[in-house]
Amino acid sequence: MIRMRALRYLALVALVVWIGGLVTLGALVAPTAFDVVEARQIESGRMLVGYLFAAIFERFHYVAYGAAAVLLLSLVARRLLGPKPVHFGIRVGVLGVMLALTLYSGLVLTGQVERTQAELGVPSSTLTAGDPGRARFERLHGLSVALAIITAAGGLLLLGYEAAEN
């Protein structure tokens, strides 16, 4: 009983760190940082914030990988020790999708965004709406945001399963 409770606690902590990190970075840190440099009219501020946020997000991917590992180990350990977690297969599947999206974001998409920013050399927002570089950056940024939202939604689903267990 205590082992199962400890394993569930670890799963909850991993989910809270992963989901909370995504929400904090995407809904609080990034918009606030961009708002501050715009309000203070800091020269090259948008570029600086872009580079800074990219570095923070890159490091956060390692936190997410660790959270995924803890969550998977917790689920598997509870399955082996019994009783099997409710909807075990669905939960592992959702976790697999979350991890795949996070790996793609961290290992592929982040590099594409950084290369595009370096090629542009200026904030994409300073380019005309029809500029192909701006369009490419906006597409990659939109994909990054979408992957984070889907991952957070998956995490909330898993959190719901954890909350529903006795």
Foldseek 3Di string as FASTA:
>chain_A
DVLLVVLLVLLLVLLCLLLVVLCCLPVPVLVVQVVVCVVVVPVCSVVVSVVVSLVVLLVVLVSNVVSLVSNVVSQVVDVVVDDHQPPSVVLVVLSVLLNVLSCCCNVPLSVVLVVLCVVVVGPLVVDDPPDPSSVSNVVSVVSSNVSSVSSSVSSVVSVVSSVPDD
